[in-house]
């Protein structure tokens, strides 16, 4: 009979996590989102997102004449800077 100790399972779990981490990150946190999605992620209204963009508090990327996308990492960093959380 072959016995497997806990360290074997820990090594397997670590290897699996290393393998899927990049894909898991992309699935759980998309980089570019529209204003409605950003509002939902930030738990604010769509008009609040529009005002923050218009006032220059958060950055956006113009996609077309009436279409913008928001990079979630840059938005979070901008909000932290704006509120003095990170200098």
C-alpha atoms as a PDB file:
ATOM      1  CA  UNK A   1       0.000   0.000   0.000  1.00  0.00           C
ATOM      2  CA  UNK A   2       1.291   3.442  -0.958  1.00  0.00           C
ATOM      3  CA  UNK A   3       0.738   6.270   1.550  1.00  0.00           C
ATOM      4  CA  UNK A   4       0.705   9.915   0.553  1.00  0.00           C
ATOM      5  CA  UNK A   5       1.466  12.485   3.214  1.00  0.00           C
ATOM      6  CA  UNK A   6       0.007  15.988   3.498  1.00  0.00           C
ATOM      7  CA  UNK A   7       3.100  17.645   2.039  1.00  0.00           C
ATOM      8  CA  UNK A   8       2.398  15.922  -1.281  1.00  0.00           C
ATOM      9  CA  UNK A   9      -1.083  17.459  -1.429  1.00  0.00           C
ATOM     10  CA  UNK A  10       0.320  20.861  -0.460  1.00  0.00           C
ATOM     11  CA  UNK A  11       2.835  20.674  -3.302  1.00  0.00           C
ATOM     12  CA  UNK A  12       0.139  19.665  -5.785  1.00  0.00           C
ATOM     13  CA  UNK A  13      -2.144  22.494  -4.629  1.00  0.00           C
ATOM     14  CA  UNK A  14       0.690  25.029  -4.913  1.00  0.00           C
ATOM     15  CA  UNK A  15       1.540  23.836  -8.420  1.00  0.00           C
ATOM     16  CA  UNK A  16      -2.105  24.022  -9.543  1.00  0.00           C
ATOM     17  CA  UNK A  17      -2.448  27.532  -8.117  1.00  0.00           C
ATOM     18  CA  UNK A  18       0.735  28.678  -9.867  1.00  0.00           C
ATOM     19  CA  UNK A  19      -0.601  27.311 -13.129  1.00  0.00           C
ATOM     20  CA  UNK A  20      -4.089  28.834 -12.997  1.00  0.00           C
ATOM     21  CA  UNK A  21      -3.373  32.112 -11.138  1.00  0.00           C
ATOM     22  CA  UNK A  22      -2.922  34.260 -14.300  1.00  0.00           C
ATOM     23  CA  UNK A  23      -6.156  32.987 -15.844  1.00  0.00           C
ATOM     24  CA  UNK A  24      -8.017  33.248 -12.545  1.00  0.00           C
ATOM     25  CA  UNK A  25      -6.941  36.877 -12.177  1.00  0.00           C
ATOM     26  CA  UNK A  26      -8.250  37.737 -15.639  1.00  0.00           C
ATOM     27  CA  UNK A  27     -11.584  36.070 -14.971  1.00  0.00           C
ATOM     28  CA  UNK A  28     -12.164  37.616 -11.561  1.00  0.00           C
ATOM     29  CA  UNK A  29     -10.946  41.134 -12.318  1.00  0.00           C
ATOM     30  CA  UNK A  30     -11.205  42.382 -15.851  1.00  0.00           C
ATOM     31  CA  UNK A  31      -8.864  45.247 -16.651  1.00  0.00           C
ATOM     32  CA  UNK A  32     -11.142  47.281 -18.935  1.00  0.00           C
ATOM     33  CA  UNK A  33     -14.779  47.778 -18.024  1.00  0.00           C
ATOM     34  CA  UNK A  34     -17.579  50.066 -19.125  1.00  0.00           C
ATOM     35  CA  UNK A  35     -19.088  52.765 -16.906  1.00  0.00           C
ATOM     36  CA  UNK A  36     -22.028  50.629 -15.766  1.00  0.00           C
ATOM     37  CA  UNK A  37     -19.720  47.807 -14.688  1.00  0.00           C
ATOM     38  CA  UNK A  38     -17.393  50.242 -12.944  1.00  0.00           C
ATOM     39  CA  UNK A  39     -20.322  51.739 -11.068  1.00  0.00           C
ATOM     40  CA  UNK A  40     -21.365  48.278  -9.914  1.00  0.00           C
ATOM     41  CA  UNK A  41     -17.782  47.379  -8.873  1.00  0.00           C
ATOM     42  CA  UNK A  42     -17.413  50.617  -6.894  1.00  0.00           C
ATOM     43  CA  UNK A  43     -20.946  50.444  -5.452  1.00  0.00           C
ATOM     44  CA  UNK A  44     -21.814  53.900  -6.774  1.00  0.00           C
ATOM     45  CA  UNK A  45     -24.289  55.188  -9.322  1.00  0.00           C
ATOM     46  CA  UNK A  46     -23.543  55.600 -13.009  1.00  0.00           C
ATOM     47  CA  UNK A  47     -23.895  59.407 -12.727  1.00  0.00           C
ATOM     48  CA  UNK A  48     -21.220  59.336 -10.008  1.00  0.00           C
ATOM     49  CA  UNK A  49     -18.829  57.508 -12.350  1.00  0.00           C
ATOM     50  CA  UNK A  50     -19.595  60.047 -15.086  1.00  0.00           C
ATOM     51  CA  UNK A  51     -18.967  62.955 -12.689  1.00  0.00           C
ATOM     52  CA  UNK A  52     -15.688  61.481 -11.424  1.00  0.00           C
ATOM     53  CA  UNK A  53     -14.516  61.059 -15.021  1.00  0.00           C
ATOM     54  CA  UNK A  54     -15.670  64.517 -16.107  1.00  0.00           C
ATOM     55  CA  UNK A  55     -13.976  66.125 -13.062  1.00  0.00           C
ATOM     56  CA  UNK A  56     -10.712  64.332 -13.880  1.00  0.00           C
ATOM     57  CA  UNK A  57     -10.684  62.228 -10.720  1.00  0.00           C
ATOM     58  CA  UNK A  58     -10.613  58.889 -12.568  1.00  0.00           C
ATOM     59  CA  UNK A  59      -9.018  58.158 -15.945  1.00  0.00           C
ATOM     60  CA  UNK A  60     -10.838  56.656 -18.907  1.00  0.00           C
ATOM     61  CA  UNK A  61      -9.979  55.466 -22.367  1.00  0.00           C
ATOM     62  CA  UNK A  62     -12.092  56.753 -25.275  1.00  0.00           C
ATOM     63  CA  UNK A  63     -13.093  53.856 -27.527  1.00  0.00           C
ATOM     64  CA  UNK A  64     -15.375  55.768 -29.862  1.00  0.00           C
ATOM     65  CA  UNK A  65     -17.258  59.067 -30.047  1.00  0.00           C
ATOM     66  CA  UNK A  66     -19.598  58.120 -27.190  1.00  0.00           C
ATOM     67  CA  UNK A  67     -17.892  55.077 -25.707  1.00  0.00           C
ATOM     68  CA  UNK A  68     -15.300  54.893 -22.926  1.00  0.00           C
ATOM     69  CA  UNK A  69     -13.649  52.130 -20.958  1.00  0.00           C
ATOM     70  CA  UNK A  70     -12.057  52.258 -17.539  1.00  0.00           C
ATOM     71  CA  UNK A  71      -8.925  50.430 -16.445  1.00  0.00           C
ATOM     72  CA  UNK A  72      -9.899  49.113 -13.010  1.00  0.00           C
ATOM     73  CA  UNK A  73      -6.358  49.167 -11.608  1.00  0.00           C
ATOM     74  CA  UNK A  74      -5.807  52.779 -12.682  1.00  0.00           C
ATOM     75  CA  UNK A  75      -9.215  53.856 -11.370  1.00  0.00           C
ATOM     76  CA  UNK A  76      -8.520  52.324  -7.952  1.00  0.00           C
ATOM     77  CA  UNK A  77      -5.081  53.979  -7.833  1.00  0.00           C
ATOM     78  CA  UNK A  78      -6.596  57.343  -8.826  1.00  0.00           C
ATOM     79  CA  UNK A  79      -9.282  57.103  -6.159  1.00  0.00           C
ATOM     80  CA  UNK A  80      -6.705  56.190  -3.522  1.00  0.00           C
ATOM     81  CA  UNK A  81      -4.563  59.189  -4.517  1.00  0.00           C
ATOM     82  CA  UNK A  82      -7.605  61.483  -4.612  1.00  0.00           C
ATOM     83  CA  UNK A  83      -8.681  60.460  -1.120  1.00  0.00           C
ATOM     84  CA  UNK A  84      -5.156  60.579   0.302  1.00  0.00           C
ATOM     85  CA  UNK A  85      -4.904  56.849   0.908  1.00  0.00           C
ATOM     86  CA  UNK A  86      -1.735  56.561  -1.191  1.00  0.00           C
ATOM     87  CA  UNK A  87       0.551  59.438  -2.050  1.00  0.00           C
END
